[in-house]
Amino acid sequence: MEYIYLITPFMAWLVAGITKFIVNSIKAKQLAFGLIGYGGLPSNHSAIVSSMVFLIALKEGISHPAFGVAVTLAFIVLLDANSLRQQVGKHAVAINQLKEVDGSKPLRERMGHSKIEILAGIAVGAVVAYGLFVILGGVQA
């Protein structure tokens, strides 16, 4: 088994998460532990799936069936991040307005990603995949 296929999405998640924490901390002008979660720049989900798309393209080529499967999965995740999860966030806003009356804990409203956040996640995934391909590409375990 080539461990690069296991390491790459994990590293993409880690790099995107650290980057998001730094960006959120700069915006908030304090350590942004409370802002960890869904939404923000870059998109972790986009970074993870795109890292596999790019790694498979680099290692197997774009004519390999695994590349088609990875692209299909990536489209589903990217569309979900941009549209469905944003709609869930809008619903949370409306529900929270209703819940203000009873004082219960509010729902998380920041759920989806903007196109820029998704593109940043894709860029992180591509850079991580390329970097690991260069470093570990020829290594088989």
Foldseek 3Di string as FASTA:
>chain_A
DACLLVVLLVVLLVVQQVVQQVVVCVVVVHRPPVPPDAEGAAHSLLLNLLLNLLLCCVQPNCVDVVNVVSVVVNVVSQCCQAPVQLVVLVVQVVVQVVCVVVPDDGDDNRHHYDPNNSVRSSVSSNVSSVVCCVVCVVPGD
